[in-house]
PDB file of N, CA and C in Angstrom:
ATOM      1  N   MET A   1       0.821  -1.179  -0.041  1.00  0.00           N
ATOM      2  CA  MET A   1      -0.187   0.089  -0.070  1.00  0.00           C
ATOM      3  C   MET A   1       0.714   1.364   0.087  1.00  0.00           C
ATOM      4  N   LEU A   2       0.358   2.526  -0.751  1.00  0.00           N
ATOM      5  CA  LEU A   2       1.106   3.473  -0.593  1.00  0.00           C
ATOM      6  C   LEU A   2       1.316   4.208   0.780  1.00  0.00           C
ATOM      7  N   THR A   3       2.481   4.954   0.748  1.00  0.00           N
ATOM      8  CA  THR A   3       2.390   5.684   2.343  1.00  0.00           C
ATOM      9  C   THR A   3       1.425   6.764   2.570  1.00  0.00           C
ATOM     10  N   ASP A   4       1.222   7.015   3.924  1.00  0.00           N
ATOM     11  CA  ASP A   4      -0.117   7.721   4.505  1.00  0.00           C
ATOM     12  C   ASP A   4       0.649   8.640   5.450  1.00  0.00           C
ATOM     13  N   PRO A   5       0.420   9.908   5.291  1.00  0.00           N
ATOM     14  CA  PRO A   5      -0.149  10.415   4.249  1.00  0.00           C
ATOM     15  C   PRO A   5       0.975  10.403   3.025  1.00  0.00           C
ATOM     16  N   ILE A   6       0.557  10.964   1.688  1.00  0.00           N
ATOM     17  CA  ILE A   6       0.951  11.030   0.376  1.00  0.00           C
ATOM     18  C   ILE A   6       1.422  12.461   0.560  1.00  0.00           C
ATOM     19  N   THR A   7       2.773  12.778   0.401  1.00  0.00           N
ATOM     20  CA  THR A   7       2.985  13.989   0.441  1.00  0.00           C
ATOM     21  C   THR A   7       3.686  14.528  -1.254  1.00  0.00           C
ATOM     22  N   LEU A   8       2.861  15.712  -1.727  1.00  0.00           N
ATOM     23  CA  LEU A   8       3.162  15.979  -3.154  1.00  0.00           C
ATOM     24  C   LEU A   8       3.808  17.432  -3.116  1.00  0.00           C
ATOM     25  N   ALA A   9       4.782  17.679  -3.931  1.00  0.00           N
ATOM     26  CA  ALA A   9       5.306  18.989  -4.025  1.00  0.00           C
ATOM     27  C   ALA A   9       4.750  19.596  -5.238  1.00  0.00           C
ATOM     28  N   GLY A  10       4.424  21.046  -4.940  1.00  0.00           N
ATOM     29  CA  GLY A  10       4.091  21.604  -6.543  1.00  0.00           C
ATOM     30  C   GLY A  10       4.854  22.765  -6.719  1.00  0.00           C
ATOM     31  N   ASP A  11       4.257  23.546  -7.563  1.00  0.00           N
ATOM     32  CA  ASP A  11       4.759  24.908  -7.966  1.00  0.00           C
ATOM     33  C   ASP A  11       4.769  25.553  -6.758  1.00  0.00           C
ATOM     34  N   SER A  12       5.785  26.653  -6.623  1.00  0.00           N
ATOM     35  CA  SER A  12       5.877  27.831  -5.733  1.00  0.00           C
ATOM     36  C   SER A  12       5.913  27.157  -4.300  1.00  0.00           C
ATOM     37  N   SER A  13       6.732  25.864  -3.937  1.00  0.00           N
ATOM     38  CA  SER A  13       6.894  25.235  -2.609  1.00  0.00           C
ATOM     39  C   SER A  13       5.165  25.078  -2.165  1.00  0.00           C
ATOM     40  N   SER A  14       4.447  24.598  -3.267  1.00  0.00           N
ATOM     41  CA  SER A  14       3.185  24.064  -2.391  1.00  0.00           C
ATOM     42  C   SER A  14       3.196  22.939  -2.184  1.00  0.00           C
ATOM     43  N   THR A  15       3.847  22.454  -0.959  1.00  0.00           N
ATOM     44  CA  THR A  15       3.698  21.015  -0.606  1.00  0.00           C
ATOM     45  C   THR A  15       2.452  20.821  -0.097  1.00  0.00           C
ATOM     46  N   ARG A  16       1.725  19.578  -0.098  1.00  0.00           N
ATOM     47  CA  ARG A  16       0.682  19.130   0.242  1.00  0.00           C
ATOM     48  C   ARG A  16       0.655  17.791   0.709  1.00  0.00           C
ATOM     49  N   ALA A  17       0.050  17.590   2.004  1.00  0.00           N
ATOM     50  CA  ALA A  17       0.028  16.089   2.558  1.00  0.00           C
ATOM     51  C   ALA A  17      -1.338  15.677   2.625  1.00  0.00           C
ATOM     52  N   TYR A  18      -1.468  14.632   1.550  1.00  0.00           N
ATOM     53  CA  TYR A  18      -3.218  13.900   1.422  1.00  0.00           C
ATOM     54  C   TYR A  18      -3.038  12.753   2.341  1.00  0.00           C
ATOM     55  N   ALA A  19      -4.025  12.797   3.348  1.00  0.00           N
ATOM     56  CA  ALA A  19      -4.039  11.801   4.185  1.00  0.00           C
ATOM     57  C   ALA A  19      -5.311  11.025   3.984  1.00  0.00           C
ATOM     58  N   LEU A  20      -5.064   9.516   4.049  1.00  0.00           N
ATOM     59  CA  LEU A  20      -6.269   8.591   3.821  1.00  0.00           C
ATOM     60  C   LEU A  20      -7.573   9.072   4.534  1.00  0.00           C
ATOM     61  N   ARG A  21      -8.392   8.786   3.681  1.00  0.00           N
ATOM     62  CA  ARG A  21      -9.896   9.238   4.362  1.00  0.00           C
ATOM     63  C   ARG A  21     -10.655   7.943   3.991  1.00  0.00           C
ATOM     64  N   SER A  22     -10.622   7.224   3.030  1.00  0.00           N
ATOM     65  CA  SER A  22     -11.152   5.888   2.804  1.00  0.00           C
ATOM     66  C   SER A  22     -10.697   5.117   2.004  1.00  0.00           C
ATOM     67  N   ILE A  23     -11.001   3.592   2.045  1.00  0.00           N
ATOM     68  CA  ILE A  23     -10.545   2.810   0.947  1.00  0.00           C
ATOM     69  C   ILE A  23     -11.516   1.827   0.836  1.00  0.00           C
ATOM     70  N   LEU A  24     -12.006   1.771  -0.500  1.00  0.00           N
ATOM     71  CA  LEU A  24     -13.399   1.069  -0.735  1.00  0.00           C
ATOM     72  C   LEU A  24     -13.402   0.391  -2.371  1.00  0.00           C
ATOM     73  N   ASP A  25     -13.464  -0.614  -2.423  1.00  0.00           N
ATOM     74  CA  ASP A  25     -13.589  -1.359  -4.040  1.00  0.00           C
ATOM     75  C   ASP A  25     -12.420  -0.941  -4.717  1.00  0.00           C
ATOM     76  N   GLY A  26     -11.051  -1.118  -4.101  1.00  0.00           N
ATOM     77  CA  GLY A  26      -9.687  -0.982  -5.116  1.00  0.00           C
ATOM     78  C   GLY A  26      -9.720   0.668  -4.861  1.00  0.00           C
ATOM     79  N   LYS A  27     -10.484   1.488  -4.690  1.00  0.00           N
ATOM     80  CA  LYS A  27     -10.181   2.947  -4.762  1.00  0.00           C
ATOM     81  C   LYS A  27      -9.762   3.585  -3.437  1.00  0.00           C
ATOM     82  N   SER A  28      -8.864   4.370  -3.237  1.00  0.00           N
ATOM     83  CA  SER A  28      -8.385   5.101  -2.184  1.00  0.00           C
ATOM     84  C   SER A  28      -9.106   6.508  -2.074  1.00  0.00           C
ATOM     85  N   ILE A  29      -9.198   7.277  -1.149  1.00  0.00           N
ATOM     86  CA  ILE A  29      -9.350   8.692  -1.321  1.00  0.00           C
ATOM     87  C   ILE A  29      -8.675   9.241  -0.106  1.00  0.00           C
ATOM     88  N   ARG A  30      -8.116  10.411  -0.469  1.00  0.00           N
ATOM     89  CA  ARG A  30      -6.916  11.211   0.322  1.00  0.00           C
ATOM     90  C   ARG A  30      -7.196  12.609   0.158  1.00  0.00           C
ATOM     91  N   SER A  31      -7.228  13.519   1.399  1.00  0.00           N
ATOM     92  CA  SER A  31      -7.619  14.425   1.397  1.00  0.00           C
ATOM     93  C   SER A  31      -6.476  15.725   2.136  1.00  0.00           C
ATOM     94  N   VAL A  32      -6.421  16.875   1.944  1.00  0.00           N
ATOM     95  CA  VAL A  32      -5.588  17.798   2.881  1.00  0.00           C
ATOM     96  C   VAL A  32      -6.422  18.048   4.042  1.00  0.00           C
ATOM     97  N   ALA A  33      -6.041  18.079   4.777  1.00  0.00           N
ATOM     98  CA  ALA A  33      -6.802  18.246   6.254  1.00  0.00           C
ATOM     99  C   ALA A  33      -6.965  19.886   6.188  1.00  0.00           C
ATOM    100  N   THR A  34      -6.366  20.876   5.998  1.00  0.00           N
ATOM    101  CA  THR A  34      -6.568  22.345   5.986  1.00  0.00           C
ATOM    102  C   THR A  34      -6.039  22.859   4.699  1.00  0.00           C
ATOM    103  N   PRO A  35      -6.855  22.846   3.674  1.00  0.00           N
ATOM    104  CA  PRO A  35      -6.338  23.432   2.316  1.00  0.00           C
ATOM    105  C   PRO A  35      -6.132  24.852   2.643  1.00  0.00           C
ATOM    106  N   VAL A  36      -4.804  25.330   1.593  1.00  0.00           N
ATOM    107  CA  VAL A  36      -4.556  26.663   1.424  1.00  0.00           C
ATOM    108  C   VAL A  36      -5.549  27.348   0.899  1.00  0.00           C
ATOM    109  N   ALA A  37      -6.209  28.568   1.607  1.00  0.00           N
ATOM    110  CA  ALA A  37      -6.915  29.199   1.069  1.00  0.00           C
ATOM    111  C   ALA A  37      -6.535  29.946  -0.389  1.00  0.00           C
ATOM    112  N   PRO A  38      -7.367  30.221  -1.357  1.00  0.00           N
ATOM    113  CA  PRO A  38      -8.822  29.846  -1.269  1.00  0.00           C
ATOM    114  C   PRO A  38      -9.328  28.889  -1.701  1.00  0.00           C
ATOM    115  N   ILE A  39      -8.647  27.711  -1.738  1.00  0.00           N
ATOM    116  CA  ILE A  39      -9.024  26.264  -1.791  1.00  0.00           C
ATOM    117  C   ILE A  39      -9.892  25.947  -0.576  1.00  0.00           C
ATOM    118  N   THR A  40     -11.024  25.234  -0.969  1.00  0.00           N
ATOM    119  CA  THR A  40     -11.802  24.520  -0.179  1.00  0.00           C
ATOM    120  C   THR A  40     -11.586  23.225   0.170  1.00  0.00           C
ATOM    121  N   VAL A  41     -11.350  22.324  -0.855  1.00  0.00           N
ATOM    122  CA  VAL A  41     -11.155  20.976  -0.910  1.00  0.00           C
ATOM    123  C   VAL A  41      -9.884  20.663  -1.979  1.00  0.00           C
ATOM    124  N   GLU A  42      -9.641  19.593  -1.378  1.00  0.00           N
ATOM    125  CA  GLU A  42      -8.339  19.315  -1.941  1.00  0.00           C
ATOM    126  C   GLU A  42      -8.173  17.625  -2.122  1.00  0.00           C
ATOM    127  N   THR A  43      -8.462  17.143  -2.844  1.00  0.00           N
ATOM    128  CA  THR A  43      -8.269  15.463  -2.868  1.00  0.00           C
ATOM    129  C   THR A  43      -7.683  14.845  -3.982  1.00  0.00           C
ATOM    130  N   LEU A  44      -7.275  13.582  -3.597  1.00  0.00           N
ATOM    131  CA  LEU A  44      -6.091  12.832  -4.194  1.00  0.00           C
ATOM    132  C   LEU A  44      -6.832  11.553  -4.468  1.00  0.00           C
ATOM    133  N   SER A  45      -7.250  10.807  -5.626  1.00  0.00           N
ATOM    134  CA  SER A  45      -7.985   9.426  -5.527  1.00  0.00           C
ATOM    135  C   SER A  45      -6.812   8.621  -6.569  1.00  0.00           C
ATOM    136  N   ILE A  46      -7.254   7.236  -5.985  1.00  0.00           N
ATOM    137  CA  ILE A  46      -6.317   6.368  -6.675  1.00  0.00           C
ATOM    138  C   ILE A  46      -7.026   5.139  -6.589  1.00  0.00           C
ATOM    139  N   SER A  47      -7.208   4.762  -7.925  1.00  0.00           N
ATOM    140  CA  SER A  47      -7.942   3.452  -8.251  1.00  0.00           C
ATOM    141  C   SER A  47      -7.495   2.637  -9.376  1.00  0.00           C
ATOM    142  N   THR A  48      -8.004   1.127  -9.277  1.00  0.00           N
ATOM    143  CA  THR A  48      -7.512   0.574 -10.332  1.00  0.00           C
ATOM    144  C   THR A  48      -8.739  -0.413 -10.697  1.00  0.00           C
ATOM    145  N   VAL A  49      -9.256  -0.622 -12.125  1.00  0.00           N
ATOM    146  CA  VAL A  49     -10.094  -1.568 -12.603  1.00  0.00           C
ATOM    147  C   VAL A  49      -9.499  -2.438 -13.491  1.00  0.00           C
ATOM    148  N   VAL A  50      -9.957  -3.541 -13.253  1.00  0.00           N
ATOM    149  CA  VAL A  50      -9.617  -4.674 -14.214  1.00  0.00           C
ATOM    150  C   VAL A  50     -10.815  -4.701 -15.307  1.00  0.00           C
ATOM    151  N   SER A  51     -10.348  -4.610 -16.436  1.00  0.00           N
ATOM    152  CA  SER A  51     -11.475  -5.206 -17.638  1.00  0.00           C
ATOM    153  C   SER A  51     -10.843  -5.820 -18.630  1.00  0.00           C
ATOM    154  N   SER A  52     -11.406  -6.273 -19.636  1.00  0.00           N
ATOM    155  CA  SER A  52     -11.252  -7.164 -20.689  1.00  0.00           C
ATOM    156  C   SER A  52     -11.256  -6.408 -22.082  1.00  0.00           C
ATOM    157  N   LYS A  53     -10.120  -6.114 -22.687  1.00  0.00           N
ATOM    158  CA  LYS A  53     -10.036  -5.588 -24.026  1.00  0.00           C
ATOM    159  C   LYS A  53      -9.537  -6.561 -25.182  1.00  0.00           C
ATOM    160  N   ALA A  54     -10.321  -6.897 -25.944  1.00  0.00           N
ATOM    161  CA  ALA A  54     -10.314  -7.763 -27.074  1.00  0.00           C
ATOM    162  C   ALA A  54      -9.888  -9.011 -26.413  1.00  0.00           C
ATOM    163  N   GLY A  55     -10.502  -9.777 -25.390  1.00  0.00           N
ATOM    164  CA  GLY A  55      -9.969 -10.727 -24.866  1.00  0.00           C
ATOM    165  C   GLY A  55      -8.793 -10.808 -23.908  1.00  0.00           C
ATOM    166  N   ILE A  56      -8.093  -9.665 -23.692  1.00  0.00           N
ATOM    167  CA  ILE A  56      -6.903  -9.362 -22.912  1.00  0.00           C
ATOM    168  C   ILE A  56      -7.205  -8.905 -21.718  1.00  0.00           C
ATOM    169  N   THR A  57      -6.810  -9.389 -20.272  1.00  0.00           N
ATOM    170  CA  THR A  57      -7.406  -8.479 -19.221  1.00  0.00           C
ATOM    171  C   THR A  57      -6.271  -7.222 -19.164  1.00  0.00           C
ATOM    172  N   THR A  58      -6.792  -6.278 -18.565  1.00  0.00           N
ATOM    173  CA  THR A  58      -6.505  -5.029 -18.702  1.00  0.00           C
ATOM    174  C   THR A  58      -6.583  -4.294 -17.386  1.00  0.00           C
ATOM    175  N   ASP A  59      -5.321  -3.937 -16.550  1.00  0.00           N
ATOM    176  CA  ASP A  59      -5.518  -3.147 -15.507  1.00  0.00           C
ATOM    177  C   ASP A  59      -5.564  -1.519 -15.946  1.00  0.00           C
ATOM    178  N   ARG A  60      -6.656  -0.906 -15.391  1.00  0.00           N
ATOM    179  CA  ARG A  60      -6.772   0.541 -15.837  1.00  0.00           C
ATOM    180  C   ARG A  60      -6.685   1.206 -14.280  1.00  0.00           C
ATOM    181  N   HIS A  61      -5.465   1.958 -14.131  1.00  0.00           N
ATOM    182  CA  HIS A  61      -5.189   2.949 -12.965  1.00  0.00           C
ATOM    183  C   HIS A  61      -5.261   3.983 -13.253  1.00  0.00           C
ATOM    184  N   LEU A  62      -6.195   4.565 -12.299  1.00  0.00           N
ATOM    185  CA  LEU A  62      -6.296   6.046 -12.494  1.00  0.00           C
ATOM    186  C   LEU A  62      -6.027   6.749 -11.178  1.00  0.00           C
ATOM    187  N   THR A  63      -5.372   7.997 -11.385  1.00  0.00           N
ATOM    188  CA  THR A  63      -4.871   8.918 -10.369  1.00  0.00           C
ATOM    189  C   THR A  63      -5.635  10.207 -10.808  1.00  0.00           C
ATOM    190  N   ARG A  64      -6.148  10.765  -9.578  1.00  0.00           N
ATOM    191  CA  ARG A  64      -6.883  11.965 -10.009  1.00  0.00           C
ATOM    192  C   ARG A  64      -6.669  12.986  -8.994  1.00  0.00           C
ATOM    193  N   LEU A  65      -6.388  14.147  -9.204  1.00  0.00           N
ATOM    194  CA  LEU A  65      -5.973  15.351  -8.115  1.00  0.00           C
ATOM    195  C   LEU A  65      -7.331  16.284  -8.570  1.00  0.00           C
ATOM    196  N   ASP A  66      -8.068  16.580  -7.160  1.00  0.00           N
ATOM    197  CA  ASP A  66      -8.891  17.607  -7.655  1.00  0.00           C
ATOM    198  C   ASP A  66      -8.949  18.882  -6.742  1.00  0.00           C
ATOM    199  N   ARG A  67      -9.359  19.944  -7.120  1.00  0.00           N
ATOM    200  CA  ARG A  67      -8.989  21.065  -5.932  1.00  0.00           C
ATOM    201  C   ARG A  67     -10.227  22.270  -6.349  1.00  0.00           C
ATOM    202  N   THR A  68     -11.001  22.556  -5.077  1.00  0.00           N
ATOM    203  CA  THR A  68     -12.491  23.300  -5.072  1.00  0.00           C
ATOM    204  C   THR A  68     -11.897  24.481  -4.679  1.00  0.00           C
ATOM    205  N   ILE A  69     -12.527  25.599  -5.558  1.00  0.00           N
ATOM    206  CA  ILE A  69     -12.133  26.942  -5.049  1.00  0.00           C
ATOM    207  C   ILE A  69     -13.654  27.876  -5.434  1.00  0.00           C
ATOM    208  N   PRO A  70     -14.093  28.375  -4.378  1.00  0.00           N
ATOM    209  CA  PRO A  70     -15.397  29.284  -4.866  1.00  0.00           C
ATOM    210  C   PRO A  70     -14.861  30.595  -5.726  1.00  0.00           C
ATOM    211  N   ASN A  71     -16.077  30.602  -6.295  1.00  0.00           N
ATOM    212  CA  ASN A  71     -15.937  31.728  -7.697  1.00  0.00           C
ATOM    213  C   ASN A  71     -16.357  32.914  -6.895  1.00  0.00           C
ATOM    214  N   GLY A  72     -16.205  34.435  -7.942  1.00  0.00           N
ATOM    215  CA  GLY A  72     -16.611  35.202  -7.026  1.00  0.00           C
ATOM    216  C   GLY A  72     -18.069  35.510  -6.705  1.00  0.00           C
ATOM    217  N   SER A  73     -18.820  34.527  -7.053  1.00  0.00           N
ATOM    218  CA  SER A  73     -20.396  34.358  -6.836  1.00  0.00           C
ATOM    219  C   SER A  73     -20.437  33.578  -5.382  1.00  0.00           C
ATOM    220  N   SER A  74     -19.220  32.706  -4.865  1.00  0.00           N
ATOM    221  CA  SER A  74     -19.316  31.784  -3.918  1.00  0.00           C
ATOM    222  C   SER A  74     -19.788  30.415  -4.360  1.00  0.00           C
ATOM    223  N   VAL A  75     -19.463  30.304  -5.566  1.00  0.00           N
ATOM    224  CA  VAL A  75     -19.976  28.968  -6.327  1.00  0.00           C
ATOM    225  C   VAL A  75     -19.047  28.085  -6.270  1.00  0.00           C
ATOM    226  N   PRO A  76     -18.731  26.845  -5.855  1.00  0.00           N
ATOM    227  CA  PRO A  76     -17.623  25.921  -5.730  1.00  0.00           C
ATOM    228  C   PRO A  76     -17.139  25.649  -7.155  1.00  0.00           C
ATOM    229  N   VAL A  77     -16.282  25.946  -7.545  1.00  0.00           N
ATOM    230  CA  VAL A  77     -15.764  25.526  -9.061  1.00  0.00           C
ATOM    231  C   VAL A  77     -14.587  24.532  -8.671  1.00  0.00           C
ATOM    232  N   THR A  78     -14.548  23.347  -9.506  1.00  0.00           N
ATOM    233  CA  THR A  78     -13.658  22.353  -9.422  1.00  0.00           C
ATOM    234  C   THR A  78     -12.859  22.186 -10.291  1.00  0.00           C
ATOM    235  N   ALA A  79     -11.541  22.042 -10.438  1.00  0.00           N
ATOM    236  CA  ALA A  79     -10.436  21.500 -11.444  1.00  0.00           C
ATOM    237  C   ALA A  79      -9.749  20.243 -11.086  1.00  0.00           C
ATOM    238  N   SER A  80      -9.672  19.446 -12.135  1.00  0.00           N
ATOM    239  CA  SER A  80      -9.457  18.170 -11.967  1.00  0.00           C
ATOM    240  C   SER A  80      -8.299  17.665 -12.886  1.00  0.00           C
ATOM    241  N   TYR A  81      -7.092  16.927 -12.452  1.00  0.00           N
ATOM    242  CA  TYR A  81      -6.226  16.540 -13.407  1.00  0.00           C
ATOM    243  C   TYR A  81      -5.878  15.016 -13.066  1.00  0.00           C
ATOM    244  N   TYR A  82      -6.138  14.394 -14.363  1.00  0.00           N
ATOM    245  CA  TYR A  82      -6.305  12.948 -14.212  1.00  0.00           C
ATOM    246  C   TYR A  82      -4.707  12.319 -14.645  1.00  0.00           C
ATOM    247  N   VAL A  83      -4.495  11.356 -14.278  1.00  0.00           N
ATOM    248  CA  VAL A  83      -3.666  10.290 -15.264  1.00  0.00           C
ATOM    249  C   VAL A  83      -4.093   9.045 -15.289  1.00  0.00           C
ATOM    250  N   VAL A  84      -4.263   8.445 -16.139  1.00  0.00           N
ATOM    251  CA  VAL A  84      -4.979   7.179 -16.408  1.00  0.00           C
ATOM    252  C   VAL A  84      -3.862   6.229 -17.176  1.00  0.00           C
ATOM    253  N   ILE A  85      -3.648   5.106 -16.585  1.00  0.00           N
ATOM    254  CA  ILE A  85      -2.501   4.258 -17.222  1.00  0.00           C
ATOM    255  C   ILE A  85      -3.478   2.928 -17.645  1.00  0.00           C
ATOM    256  N   GLU A  86      -3.296   2.150 -18.856  1.00  0.00           N
ATOM    257  CA  GLU A  86      -3.884   1.229 -18.863  1.00  0.00           C
ATOM    258  C   GLU A  86      -2.880   0.129 -19.591  1.00  0.00           C
ATOM    259  N   VAL A  87      -2.823  -0.710 -18.657  1.00  0.00           N
ATOM    260  CA  VAL A  87      -1.756  -1.686 -18.857  1.00  0.00           C
ATOM    261  C   VAL A  87      -2.135  -3.321 -19.308  1.00  0.00           C
ATOM    262  N   PRO A  88      -2.001  -3.791 -20.512  1.00  0.00           N
ATOM    263  CA  PRO A  88      -2.740  -4.940 -20.664  1.00  0.00           C
ATOM    264  C   PRO A  88      -1.753  -6.194 -19.961  1.00  0.00           C
ATOM    265  N   ARG A  89      -2.760  -7.080 -19.577  1.00  0.00           N
ATOM    266  CA  ARG A  89      -1.937  -8.222 -18.783  1.00  0.00           C
ATOM    267  C   ARG A  89      -1.001  -9.098 -19.942  1.00  0.00           C
ATOM    268  N   ASP A  90      -0.437  -8.802 -20.411  1.00  0.00           N
ATOM    269  CA  ASP A  90       0.521  -9.375 -21.369  1.00  0.00           C
ATOM    270  C   ASP A  90       2.176  -9.235 -21.578  1.00  0.00           C
ATOM    271  N   ALA A  91       3.134 -10.210 -21.372  1.00  0.00           N
ATOM    272  CA  ALA A  91       4.385 -10.084 -21.184  1.00  0.00           C
ATOM    273  C   ALA A  91       4.858  -9.070 -22.138  1.00  0.00           C
ATOM    274  N   VAL A  92       4.553  -8.896 -23.451  1.00  0.00           N
ATOM    275  CA  VAL A  92       5.252  -8.052 -24.031  1.00  0.00           C
ATOM    276  C   VAL A  92       5.075  -6.710 -23.598  1.00  0.00           C
ATOM    277  N   ILE A  93       3.983  -6.172 -22.777  1.00  0.00           N
ATOM    278  CA  ILE A  93       4.158  -4.851 -22.316  1.00  0.00           C
ATOM    279  C   ILE A  93       4.789  -5.279 -20.896  1.00  0.00           C
ATOM    280  N   THR A  94       5.806  -4.358 -20.613  1.00  0.00           N
ATOM    281  CA  THR A  94       6.594  -4.485 -19.522  1.00  0.00           C
ATOM    282  C   THR A  94       6.513  -3.117 -18.632  1.00  0.00           C
ATOM    283  N   GLN A  95       7.058  -3.092 -17.482  1.00  0.00           N
ATOM    284  CA  GLN A  95       6.923  -1.739 -16.818  1.00  0.00           C
ATOM    285  C   GLN A  95       8.185  -0.807 -17.112  1.00  0.00           C
ATOM    286  N   ALA A  96       9.231  -1.464 -17.765  1.00  0.00           N
ATOM    287  CA  ALA A  96      10.161  -0.514 -18.486  1.00  0.00           C
ATOM    288  C   ALA A  96       9.611   0.360 -19.397  1.00  0.00           C
ATOM    289  N   ILE A  97       8.686  -0.204 -20.300  1.00  0.00           N
ATOM    290  CA  ILE A  97       7.822   0.438 -21.383  1.00  0.00           C
ATOM    291  C   ILE A  97       6.925   1.543 -20.831  1.00  0.00           C
ATOM    292  N   ILE A  98       5.805   0.976 -19.526  1.00  0.00           N
ATOM    293  CA  ILE A  98       5.261   1.964 -19.088  1.00  0.00           C
ATOM    294  C   ILE A  98       6.017   3.193 -18.494  1.00  0.00           C
ATOM    295  N   LYS A  99       7.016   2.831 -17.585  1.00  0.00           N
ATOM    296  CA  LYS A  99       7.847   4.018 -17.299  1.00  0.00           C
ATOM    297  C   LYS A  99       8.669   4.718 -18.256  1.00  0.00           C
ATOM    298  N   ASP A 100       8.653   4.240 -19.513  1.00  0.00           N
ATOM    299  CA  ASP A 100       9.479   5.001 -20.713  1.00  0.00           C
ATOM    300  C   ASP A 100       8.405   5.895 -21.252  1.00  0.00           C
ATOM    301  N   MET A 101       7.027   5.625 -21.128  1.00  0.00           N
ATOM    302  CA  MET A 101       5.685   6.252 -21.599  1.00  0.00           C
ATOM    303  C   MET A 101       5.812   7.293 -20.632  1.00  0.00           C
ATOM    304  N   ARG A 102       5.815   7.110 -19.526  1.00  0.00           N
ATOM    305  CA  ARG A 102       5.483   8.362 -18.411  1.00  0.00           C
ATOM    306  C   ARG A 102       6.750   9.396 -18.644  1.00  0.00           C
ATOM    307  N   THR A 103       7.874   8.935 -18.826  1.00  0.00           N
ATOM    308  CA  THR A 103       8.926  10.166 -19.156  1.00  0.00           C
ATOM    309  C   THR A 103       8.720  10.784 -20.048  1.00  0.00           C
ATOM    310  N   GLN A 104       8.215  10.188 -21.305  1.00  0.00           N
ATOM    311  CA  GLN A 104       7.839  10.812 -22.520  1.00  0.00           C
ATOM    312  C   GLN A 104       6.850  11.897 -22.429  1.00  0.00           C
ATOM    313  N   MET A 105       5.600  11.619 -21.629  1.00  0.00           N
ATOM    314  CA  MET A 105       4.622  12.283 -21.265  1.00  0.00           C
ATOM    315  C   MET A 105       5.084  13.447 -20.369  1.00  0.00           C
ATOM    316  N   ASN A 106       6.063  13.076 -19.694  1.00  0.00           N
ATOM    317  CA  ASN A 106       6.442  14.230 -18.516  1.00  0.00           C
ATOM    318  C   ASN A 106       7.206  15.163 -19.368  1.00  0.00           C
ATOM    319  N   ASN A 107       7.880  14.641 -20.289  1.00  0.00           N
ATOM    320  CA  ASN A 107       9.004  15.688 -21.344  1.00  0.00           C
ATOM    321  C   ASN A 107       7.653  16.570 -22.238  1.00  0.00           C
ATOM    322  N   LEU A 108       6.663  15.905 -22.371  1.00  0.00           N
ATOM    323  CA  LEU A 108       5.932  16.494 -23.195  1.00  0.00           C
ATOM    324  C   LEU A 108       4.994  17.783 -22.686  1.00  0.00           C
ATOM    325  N   LEU A 109       4.596  17.731 -21.302  1.00  0.00           N
ATOM    326  CA  LEU A 109       3.902  18.182 -20.299  1.00  0.00           C
ATOM    327  C   LEU A 109       4.580  19.533 -19.882  1.00  0.00           C
ATOM    328  N   VAL A 110       5.779  19.983 -20.350  1.00  0.00           N
ATOM    329  CA  VAL A 110       6.465  21.033 -20.028  1.00  0.00           C
ATOM    330  C   VAL A 110       5.565  21.922 -20.021  1.00  0.00           C
ATOM    331  N   ASP A 111       6.022  23.235 -18.954  1.00  0.00           N
ATOM    332  CA  ASP A 111       5.026  24.622 -19.104  1.00  0.00           C
ATOM    333  C   ASP A 111       4.711  25.065 -20.411  1.00  0.00           C
ATOM    334  N   ALA A 112       5.543  25.325 -21.374  1.00  0.00           N
ATOM    335  CA  ALA A 112       5.275  26.020 -22.684  1.00  0.00           C
ATOM    336  C   ALA A 112       4.130  25.104 -23.208  1.00  0.00           C
ATOM    337  N   THR A 113       4.281  23.382 -23.306  1.00  0.00           N
ATOM    338  CA  THR A 113       3.180  23.031 -24.107  1.00  0.00           C
ATOM    339  C   THR A 113       1.915  22.740 -23.426  1.00  0.00           C
ATOM    340  N   LEU A 114       2.347  22.717 -22.007  1.00  0.00           N
ATOM    341  CA  LEU A 114       0.917  22.779 -21.117  1.00  0.00           C
ATOM    342  C   LEU A 114       0.021  23.957 -21.684  1.00  0.00           C
ATOM    343  N   VAL A 115       0.784  25.100 -21.524  1.00  0.00           N
ATOM    344  CA  VAL A 115      -0.085  26.279 -21.763  1.00  0.00           C
ATOM    345  C   VAL A 115      -0.745  26.360 -23.272  1.00  0.00           C
ATOM    346  N   LYS A 116       0.014  25.599 -24.116  1.00  0.00           N
ATOM    347  CA  LYS A 116      -0.873  25.546 -25.519  1.00  0.00           C
ATOM    348  C   LYS A 116      -1.772  24.789 -25.485  1.00  0.00           C
ATOM    349  N   ILE A 117      -1.453  23.419 -24.718  1.00  0.00           N
ATOM    350  CA  ILE A 117      -2.772  22.693 -24.426  1.00  0.00           C
ATOM    351  C   ILE A 117      -3.917  23.257 -23.945  1.00  0.00           C
ATOM    352  N   LEU A 118      -3.965  24.142 -22.481  1.00  0.00           N
ATOM    353  CA  LEU A 118      -4.674  24.477 -21.828  1.00  0.00           C
ATOM    354  C   LEU A 118      -5.490  25.631 -22.882  1.00  0.00           C
ATOM    355  N   ASN A 119      -4.690  26.303 -23.637  1.00  0.00           N
ATOM    356  CA  ASN A 119      -5.414  27.301 -24.681  1.00  0.00           C
ATOM    357  C   ASN A 119      -5.930  26.812 -25.661  1.00  0.00           C
ATOM    358  N   GLY A 120      -6.025  25.147 -25.570  1.00  0.00           N
ATOM    359  CA  GLY A 120      -7.111  24.448 -27.065  1.00  0.00           C
ATOM    360  C   GLY A 120      -6.288  24.277 -28.253  1.00  0.00           C
ATOM    361  N   GLU A 121      -4.859  24.200 -28.164  1.00  0.00           N
ATOM    362  CA  GLU A 121      -3.992  24.378 -29.549  1.00  0.00           C
ATOM    363  C   GLU A 121      -3.879  22.581 -29.609  1.00  0.00           C
ATOM    364  N   PRO A 122      -4.303  21.963 -30.807  1.00  0.00           N
ATOM    365  CA  PRO A 122      -4.354  20.523 -30.936  1.00  0.00           C
ATOM    366  C   PRO A 122      -2.802  20.251 -31.206  1.00  0.00           C
TER     367      PRO A 122
END
């Protein structure tokens, strides 16, 4: 099992500790006890779902980070960042391949490229 709490460092020294709140059906929910204003809720969800694609068993791992902030009208607005990793249970797909794909995606999502994606550039 992952450590508790899970501590994540962000931009501008925004390190946060996400403490375990629940585990149910292969999904864990963690949250920050005292979010930094104006954030009202910060959650980290980690889950795995097993399915079949073309007759091959596949593990779908989802990691999701949510932050809720009230807008000018005090309406809660939530931003989410997902990472989904689908891994067929076949010896041809190794952990080294998945790690290499992660490195490539991390290199893609540098600030300049991320801004372009957020601006809707294909």
